[in-house]
Amino acid sequence: MNIRRERFIKVGERRVNNAIKAINLIGNLSNKANYEYSSAEIKKIEKVLKDELFSTMEKFNSSNNKNLKKGFSFQK
């Protein structure tokens, strides 16, 4: 295997596993014994996660890889 392929596998596995852990931590927010939230807030979380996943997957299908830094806030 060439170096770039090996690096893709190594970094890709680590980043995907980190993303899975982060998503699981977001899921922990569903515990109503510890958190209070509205359905509107849940929809905001769902929308931003879906939008970011779609945007990320588009980068793999496009030659135009713009890396725009984005964040999330309930205040937006």
PDB file of N, CA and C in Angstrom:
ATOM      1  N   MET A   1       0.841  -1.180   0.000  1.00  0.00           N
ATOM      2  CA  MET A   1       0.000   0.000   0.000  1.00  0.00           C
ATOM      3  C   MET A   1       0.889   1.246   0.000  1.00  0.00           C
ATOM      4  N   ASN A   2       0.433   2.267  -0.724  1.00  0.00           N
ATOM      5  CA  ASN A   2       1.251   3.476  -0.730  1.00  0.00           C
ATOM      6  C   ASN A   2       1.007   4.312   0.525  1.00  0.00           C
ATOM      7  N   ILE A   3       1.876   5.283   0.739  1.00  0.00           N
ATOM      8  CA  ILE A   3       1.856   6.096   1.965  1.00  0.00           C
ATOM      9  C   ILE A   3       0.547   6.866   2.117  1.00  0.00           C
ATOM     10  N   ARG A   4       0.057   7.478   1.043  1.00  0.00           N
ATOM     11  CA  ARG A   4      -1.162   8.271   1.127  1.00  0.00           C
ATOM     12  C   ARG A   4      -2.362   7.394   1.492  1.00  0.00           C
ATOM     13  N   ARG A   5      -2.412   6.198   0.940  1.00  0.00           N
ATOM     14  CA  ARG A   5      -3.495   5.261   1.245  1.00  0.00           C
ATOM     15  C   ARG A   5      -3.424   4.830   2.704  1.00  0.00           C
ATOM     16  N   GLU A   6      -2.228   4.498   3.181  1.00  0.00           N
ATOM     17  CA  GLU A   6      -2.040   4.094   4.574  1.00  0.00           C
ATOM     18  C   GLU A   6      -2.458   5.216   5.520  1.00  0.00           C
ATOM     19  N   ARG A   7      -2.073   6.457   5.172  1.00  0.00           N
ATOM     20  CA  ARG A   7      -2.430   7.608   6.004  1.00  0.00           C
ATOM     21  C   ARG A   7      -3.944   7.813   6.021  1.00  0.00           C
ATOM     22  N   PHE A   8      -4.601   7.646   4.849  1.00  0.00           N
ATOM     23  CA  PHE A   8      -6.057   7.779   4.774  1.00  0.00           C
ATOM     24  C   PHE A   8      -6.725   6.768   5.703  1.00  0.00           C
ATOM     25  N   ILE A   9      -6.283   5.521   5.653  1.00  0.00           N
ATOM     26  CA  ILE A   9      -6.861   4.468   6.491  1.00  0.00           C
ATOM     27  C   ILE A   9      -6.648   4.792   7.968  1.00  0.00           C
ATOM     28  N   LYS A  10      -5.440   5.140   8.345  1.00  0.00           N
ATOM     29  CA  LYS A  10      -5.111   5.408   9.748  1.00  0.00           C
ATOM     30  C   LYS A  10      -5.893   6.605  10.280  1.00  0.00           C
ATOM     31  N   VAL A  11      -5.838   7.719   9.569  1.00  0.00           N
ATOM     32  CA  VAL A  11      -6.512   8.930  10.024  1.00  0.00           C
ATOM     33  C   VAL A  11      -8.023   8.780   9.903  1.00  0.00           C
ATOM     34  N   GLY A  12      -8.493   8.170   8.822  1.00  0.00           N
ATOM     35  CA  GLY A  12      -9.927   7.990   8.619  1.00  0.00           C
ATOM     36  C   GLY A  12     -10.570   7.161   9.704  1.00  0.00           C
ATOM     37  N   GLU A  13      -9.951   6.052  10.064  1.00  0.00           N
ATOM     38  CA  GLU A  13     -10.499   5.210  11.125  1.00  0.00           C
ATOM     39  C   GLU A  13     -10.561   5.960  12.445  1.00  0.00           C
ATOM     40  N   ARG A  14      -9.504   6.691  12.766  1.00  0.00           N
ATOM     41  CA  ARG A  14      -9.473   7.442  14.023  1.00  0.00           C
ATOM     42  C   ARG A  14     -10.557   8.522  14.036  1.00  0.00           C
ATOM     43  N   ARG A  15     -10.695   9.259  12.942  1.00  0.00           N
ATOM     44  CA  ARG A  15     -11.682  10.347  12.904  1.00  0.00           C
ATOM     45  C   ARG A  15     -13.114   9.829  12.917  1.00  0.00           C
ATOM     46  N   VAL A  16     -13.383   8.752  12.199  1.00  0.00           N
ATOM     47  CA  VAL A  16     -14.738   8.188  12.199  1.00  0.00           C
ATOM     48  C   VAL A  16     -15.077   7.649  13.586  1.00  0.00           C
ATOM     49  N   ASN A  17     -14.139   6.967  14.212  1.00  0.00           N
ATOM     50  CA  ASN A  17     -14.380   6.470  15.573  1.00  0.00           C
ATOM     51  C   ASN A  17     -14.602   7.614  16.553  1.00  0.00           C
ATOM     52  N   ASN A  18     -13.856   8.721  16.408  1.00  0.00           N
ATOM     53  CA  ASN A  18     -14.068   9.890  17.260  1.00  0.00           C
ATOM     54  C   ASN A  18     -15.448  10.499  17.012  1.00  0.00           C
ATOM     55  N   ALA A  19     -15.879  10.535  15.759  1.00  0.00           N
ATOM     56  CA  ALA A  19     -17.202  11.066  15.425  1.00  0.00           C
ATOM     57  C   ALA A  19     -18.290  10.198  16.045  1.00  0.00           C
ATOM     58  N   ILE A  20     -18.120   8.887  15.989  1.00  0.00           N
ATOM     59  CA  ILE A  20     -19.101   7.971  16.587  1.00  0.00           C
ATOM     60  C   ILE A  20     -19.198   8.219  18.094  1.00  0.00           C
ATOM     61  N   LYS A  21     -18.049   8.380  18.746  1.00  0.00           N
ATOM     62  CA  LYS A  21     -18.052   8.652  20.187  1.00  0.00           C
ATOM     63  C   LYS A  21     -18.761   9.963  20.485  1.00  0.00           C
ATOM     64  N   ALA A  22     -18.495  10.987  19.681  1.00  0.00           N
ATOM     65  CA  ALA A  22     -19.128  12.293  19.895  1.00  0.00           C
ATOM     66  C   ALA A  22     -20.637  12.208  19.687  1.00  0.00           C
ATOM     67  N   ILE A  23     -21.070  11.472  18.692  1.00  0.00           N
ATOM     68  CA  ILE A  23     -22.506  11.299  18.453  1.00  0.00           C
ATOM     69  C   ILE A  23     -23.150  10.558  19.619  1.00  0.00           C
ATOM     70  N   ASN A  24     -22.477   9.551  20.140  1.00  0.00           N
ATOM     71  CA  ASN A  24     -22.999   8.836  21.302  1.00  0.00           C
ATOM     72  C   ASN A  24     -23.118   9.755  22.516  1.00  0.00           C
ATOM     73  N   LEU A  25     -22.165  10.666  22.672  1.00  0.00           N
ATOM     74  CA  LEU A  25     -22.238  11.628  23.775  1.00  0.00           C
ATOM     75  C   LEU A  25     -23.428  12.572  23.597  1.00  0.00           C
ATOM     76  N   ILE A  26     -23.708  12.961  22.360  1.00  0.00           N
ATOM     77  CA  ILE A  26     -24.896  13.776  22.101  1.00  0.00           C
ATOM     78  C   ILE A  26     -26.139  12.987  22.477  1.00  0.00           C
ATOM     79  N   GLY A  27     -26.150  11.699  22.164  1.00  0.00           N
ATOM     80  CA  GLY A  27     -27.279  10.837  22.525  1.00  0.00           C
ATOM     81  C   GLY A  27     -27.507  10.783  24.022  1.00  0.00           C
ATOM     82  N   ASN A  28     -26.449  10.920  24.797  1.00  0.00           N
ATOM     83  CA  ASN A  28     -26.593  10.920  26.254  1.00  0.00           C
ATOM     84  C   ASN A  28     -27.434  12.096  26.747  1.00  0.00           C
ATOM     85  N   LEU A  29     -27.530  13.153  25.937  1.00  0.00           N
ATOM     86  CA  LEU A  29     -28.349  14.307  26.308  1.00  0.00           C
ATOM     87  C   LEU A  29     -29.834  13.964  26.370  1.00  0.00           C
ATOM     88  N   SER A  30     -30.217  12.813  25.845  1.00  0.00           N
ATOM     89  CA  SER A  30     -31.627  12.412  25.844  1.00  0.00           C
ATOM     90  C   SER A  30     -32.102  11.952  27.221  1.00  0.00           C
ATOM     91  N   ASN A  31     -31.194  11.809  28.157  1.00  0.00           N
ATOM     92  CA  ASN A  31     -31.539  11.353  29.502  1.00  0.00           C
ATOM     93  C   ASN A  31     -32.291  12.465  30.238  1.00  0.00           C
ATOM     94  N   LYS A  32     -33.604  12.300  30.321  1.00  0.00           N
ATOM     95  CA  LYS A  32     -34.453  13.335  30.931  1.00  0.00           C
ATOM     96  C   LYS A  32     -34.239  13.454  32.440  1.00  0.00           C
ATOM     97  N   ALA A  33     -33.585  12.491  33.054  1.00  0.00           N
ATOM     98  CA  ALA A  33     -33.274  12.600  34.478  1.00  0.00           C
ATOM     99  C   ALA A  33     -32.186  13.646  34.713  1.00  0.00           C
ATOM    100  N   ASN A  34     -31.375  13.907  33.687  1.00  0.00           N
ATOM    101  CA  ASN A  34     -30.269  14.852  33.826  1.00  0.00           C
ATOM    102  C   ASN A  34     -30.437  16.135  33.025  1.00  0.00           C
ATOM    103  N   TYR A  35     -31.280  16.115  31.995  1.00  0.00           N
ATOM    104  CA  TYR A  35     -31.383  17.258  31.092  1.00  0.00           C
ATOM    105  C   TYR A  35     -32.842  17.587  30.796  1.00  0.00           C
ATOM    106  N   GLU A  36     -33.079  18.851  30.529  1.00  0.00           N
ATOM    107  CA  GLU A  36     -34.395  19.315  30.110  1.00  0.00           C
ATOM    108  C   GLU A  36     -34.220  19.992  28.758  1.00  0.00           C
ATOM    109  N   TYR A  37     -35.073  19.630  27.811  1.00  0.00           N
ATOM    110  CA  TYR A  37     -34.937  20.171  26.462  1.00  0.00           C
ATOM    111  C   TYR A  37     -36.290  20.191  25.776  1.00  0.00           C
ATOM    112  N   SER A  38     -36.360  20.997  24.735  1.00  0.00           N
ATOM    113  CA  SER A  38     -37.608  21.098  23.971  1.00  0.00           C
ATOM    114  C   SER A  38     -37.460  20.312  22.665  1.00  0.00           C
ATOM    115  N   SER A  39     -38.573  20.017  22.047  1.00  0.00           N
ATOM    116  CA  SER A  39     -38.526  19.317  20.756  1.00  0.00           C
ATOM    117  C   SER A  39     -37.884  20.216  19.699  1.00  0.00           C
ATOM    118  N   ALA A  40     -38.026  21.532  19.830  1.00  0.00           N
ATOM    119  CA  ALA A  40     -37.386  22.459  18.882  1.00  0.00           C
ATOM    120  C   ALA A  40     -35.856  22.361  18.981  1.00  0.00           C
ATOM    121  N   GLU A  41     -35.345  22.219  20.192  1.00  0.00           N
ATOM    122  CA  GLU A  41     -33.888  22.083  20.369  1.00  0.00           C
ATOM    123  C   GLU A  41     -33.391  20.772  19.780  1.00  0.00           C
ATOM    124  N   ILE A  42     -34.158  19.719  19.933  1.00  0.00           N
ATOM    125  CA  ILE A  42     -33.774  18.424  19.365  1.00  0.00           C
ATOM    126  C   ILE A  42     -33.763  18.508  17.841  1.00  0.00           C
ATOM    127  N   LYS A  43     -34.753  19.189  17.280  1.00  0.00           N
ATOM    128  CA  LYS A  43     -34.800  19.352  15.824  1.00  0.00           C
ATOM    129  C   LYS A  43     -33.611  20.155  15.320  1.00  0.00           C
ATOM    130  N   LYS A  44     -33.153  21.156  16.105  1.00  0.00           N
ATOM    131  CA  LYS A  44     -31.965  21.932  15.723  1.00  0.00           C
ATOM    132  C   LYS A  44     -30.727  21.031  15.690  1.00  0.00           C
ATOM    133  N   ILE A  45     -30.592  20.203  16.712  1.00  0.00           N
ATOM    134  CA  ILE A  45     -29.451  19.285  16.761  1.00  0.00           C
ATOM    135  C   ILE A  45     -29.503  18.338  15.566  1.00  0.00           C
ATOM    136  N   GLU A  46     -30.662  17.762  15.322  1.00  0.00           N
ATOM    137  CA  GLU A  46     -30.822  16.828  14.208  1.00  0.00           C
ATOM    138  C   GLU A  46     -30.491  17.498  12.879  1.00  0.00           C
ATOM    139  N   LYS A  47     -30.986  18.709  12.678  1.00  0.00           N
ATOM    140  CA  LYS A  47     -30.752  19.405  11.415  1.00  0.00           C
ATOM    141  C   LYS A  47     -29.268  19.699  11.203  1.00  0.00           C
ATOM    142  N   VAL A  48     -28.606  20.214  12.224  1.00  0.00           N
ATOM    143  CA  VAL A  48     -27.198  20.570  12.050  1.00  0.00           C
ATOM    144  C   VAL A  48     -26.348  19.320  11.823  1.00  0.00           C
ATOM    145  N   LEU A  49     -26.666  18.219  12.495  1.00  0.00           N
ATOM    146  CA  LEU A  49     -25.906  16.980  12.283  1.00  0.00           C
ATOM    147  C   LEU A  49     -26.123  16.436  10.872  1.00  0.00           C
ATOM    148  N   LYS A  50     -27.373  16.424  10.419  1.00  0.00           N
ATOM    149  CA  LYS A  50     -27.661  15.947   9.063  1.00  0.00           C
ATOM    150  C   LYS A  50     -27.007  16.838   8.015  1.00  0.00           C
ATOM    151  N   ASP A  51     -27.091  18.161   8.208  1.00  0.00           N
ATOM    152  CA  ASP A  51     -26.486  19.096   7.258  1.00  0.00           C
ATOM    153  C   ASP A  51     -24.978  18.900   7.167  1.00  0.00           C
ATOM    154  N   GLU A  52     -24.328  18.737   8.313  1.00  0.00           N
ATOM    155  CA  GLU A  52     -22.870  18.561   8.321  1.00  0.00           C
ATOM    156  C   GLU A  52     -22.463  17.225   7.703  1.00  0.00           C
ATOM    157  N   LEU A  53     -23.229  16.188   7.970  1.00  0.00           N
ATOM    158  CA  LEU A  53     -22.923  14.897   7.358  1.00  0.00           C
ATOM    159  C   LEU A  53     -23.072  14.986   5.847  1.00  0.00           C
ATOM    160  N   PHE A  54     -24.162  15.602   5.376  1.00  0.00           N
ATOM    161  CA  PHE A  54     -24.378  15.763   3.945  1.00  0.00           C
ATOM    162  C   PHE A  54     -23.242  16.577   3.322  1.00  0.00           C
ATOM    163  N   SER A  55     -22.876  17.682   3.965  1.00  0.00           N
ATOM    164  CA  SER A  55     -21.800  18.541   3.468  1.00  0.00           C
ATOM    165  C   SER A  55     -20.470  17.785   3.395  1.00  0.00           C
ATOM    166  N   THR A  56     -20.197  16.989   4.410  1.00  0.00           N
ATOM    167  CA  THR A  56     -18.954  16.214   4.436  1.00  0.00           C
ATOM    168  C   THR A  56     -18.926  15.175   3.322  1.00  0.00           C
ATOM    169  N   MET A  57     -20.028  14.465   3.123  1.00  0.00           N
ATOM    170  CA  MET A  57     -20.067  13.445   2.086  1.00  0.00           C
ATOM    171  C   MET A  57     -19.977  14.072   0.689  1.00  0.00           C
ATOM    172  N   GLU A  58     -20.514  15.275   0.532  1.00  0.00           N
ATOM    173  CA  GLU A  58     -20.408  15.977  -0.747  1.00  0.00           C
ATOM    174  C   GLU A  58     -18.953  16.265  -1.105  1.00  0.00           C
ATOM    175  N   LYS A  59     -18.115  16.504  -0.100  1.00  0.00           N
ATOM    176  CA  LYS A  59     -16.697  16.764  -0.343  1.00  0.00           C
ATOM    177  C   LYS A  59     -16.029  15.585  -1.033  1.00  0.00           C
ATOM    178  N   PHE A  60     -16.479  14.383  -0.741  1.00  0.00           N
ATOM    179  CA  PHE A  60     -15.901  13.195  -1.367  1.00  0.00           C
ATOM    180  C   PHE A  60     -16.355  13.046  -2.817  1.00  0.00           C
ATOM    181  N   ASN A  61     -17.464  13.682  -3.163  1.00  0.00           N
ATOM    182  CA  ASN A  61     -18.009  13.587  -4.513  1.00  0.00           C
ATOM    183  C   ASN A  61     -17.751  14.836  -5.341  1.00  0.00           C
ATOM    184  N   SER A  62     -16.983  15.758  -4.810  1.00  0.00           N
ATOM    185  CA  SER A  62     -16.751  17.029  -5.483  1.00  0.00           C
ATOM    186  C   SER A  62     -15.257  17.329  -5.526  1.00  0.00           C
ATOM    187  N   SER A  63     -14.849  18.016  -6.582  1.00  0.00           N
ATOM    188  CA  SER A  63     -13.451  18.433  -6.668  1.00  0.00           C
ATOM    189  C   SER A  63     -13.240  19.750  -5.936  1.00  0.00           C
ATOM    190  N   ASN A  64     -14.330  20.392  -5.520  1.00  0.00           N
ATOM    191  CA  ASN A  64     -14.263  21.677  -4.827  1.00  0.00           C
ATOM    192  C   ASN A  64     -14.396  21.437  -3.330  1.00  0.00           C
ATOM    193  N   ASN A  65     -13.267  21.314  -2.635  1.00  0.00           N
ATOM    194  CA  ASN A  65     -13.265  21.000  -1.206  1.00  0.00           C
ATOM    195  C   ASN A  65     -13.086  22.254  -0.366  1.00  0.00           C
ATOM    196  N   LYS A  66     -14.131  23.025  -0.199  1.00  0.00           N
ATOM    197  CA  LYS A  66     -14.054  24.209   0.642  1.00  0.00           C
ATOM    198  C   LYS A  66     -14.178  23.790   2.090  1.00  0.00           C
ATOM    199  N   ASN A  67     -13.229  24.185   2.900  1.00  0.00           N
ATOM    200  CA  ASN A  67     -13.250  23.859   4.327  1.00  0.00           C
ATOM    201  C   ASN A  67     -13.729  25.079   5.101  1.00  0.00           C
ATOM    202  N   LEU A  68     -15.030  25.207   5.258  1.00  0.00           N
ATOM    203  CA  LEU A  68     -15.592  26.308   6.013  1.00  0.00           C
ATOM    204  C   LEU A  68     -15.754  25.875   7.461  1.00  0.00           C
ATOM    205  N   LYS A  69     -15.241  26.673   8.367  1.00  0.00           N
ATOM    206  CA  LYS A  69     -15.380  26.371   9.790  1.00  0.00           C
ATOM    207  C   LYS A  69     -16.781  26.758  10.221  1.00  0.00           C
ATOM    208  N   LYS A  70     -17.474  25.819  10.826  1.00  0.00           N
ATOM    209  CA  LYS A  70     -18.827  26.049  11.288  1.00  0.00           C
ATOM    210  C   LYS A  70     -18.924  25.621  12.731  1.00  0.00           C
ATOM    211  N   GLY A  71     -19.932  26.108  13.389  1.00  0.00           N
ATOM    212  CA  GLY A  71     -20.157  25.728  14.772  1.00  0.00           C
ATOM    213  C   GLY A  71     -21.635  25.534  15.012  1.00  0.00           C
ATOM    214  N   PHE A  72     -21.971  25.283  16.253  1.00  0.00           N
ATOM    215  CA  PHE A  72     -23.366  25.067  16.613  1.00  0.00           C
ATOM    216  C   PHE A  72     -23.673  25.860  17.864  1.00  0.00           C
ATOM    217  N   SER A  73     -24.845  26.452  17.872  1.00  0.00           N
ATOM    218  CA  SER A  73     -25.335  27.148  19.060  1.00  0.00           C
ATOM    219  C   SER A  73     -26.850  27.115  19.042  1.00  0.00           C
ATOM    220  N   PHE A  74     -27.448  26.943  20.190  1.00  0.00           N
ATOM    221  CA  PHE A  74     -28.907  27.022  20.284  1.00  0.00           C
ATOM    222  C   PHE A  74     -29.358  28.477  20.105  1.00  0.00           C
ATOM    223  N   GLN A  75     -28.452  29.429  20.259  1.00  0.00           N
ATOM    224  CA  GLN A  75     -28.788  30.851  20.216  1.00  0.00           C
ATOM    225  C   GLN A  75     -28.942  31.397  18.807  1.00  0.00           C
ATOM    226  N   LYS A  76     -28.543  30.654  17.776  1.00  0.00           N
ATOM    227  CA  LYS A  76     -28.611  31.151  16.393  1.00  0.00           C
ATOM    228  C   LYS A  76     -30.021  31.226  15.896  1.00  0.00           C
TER     229      LYS A  76
END
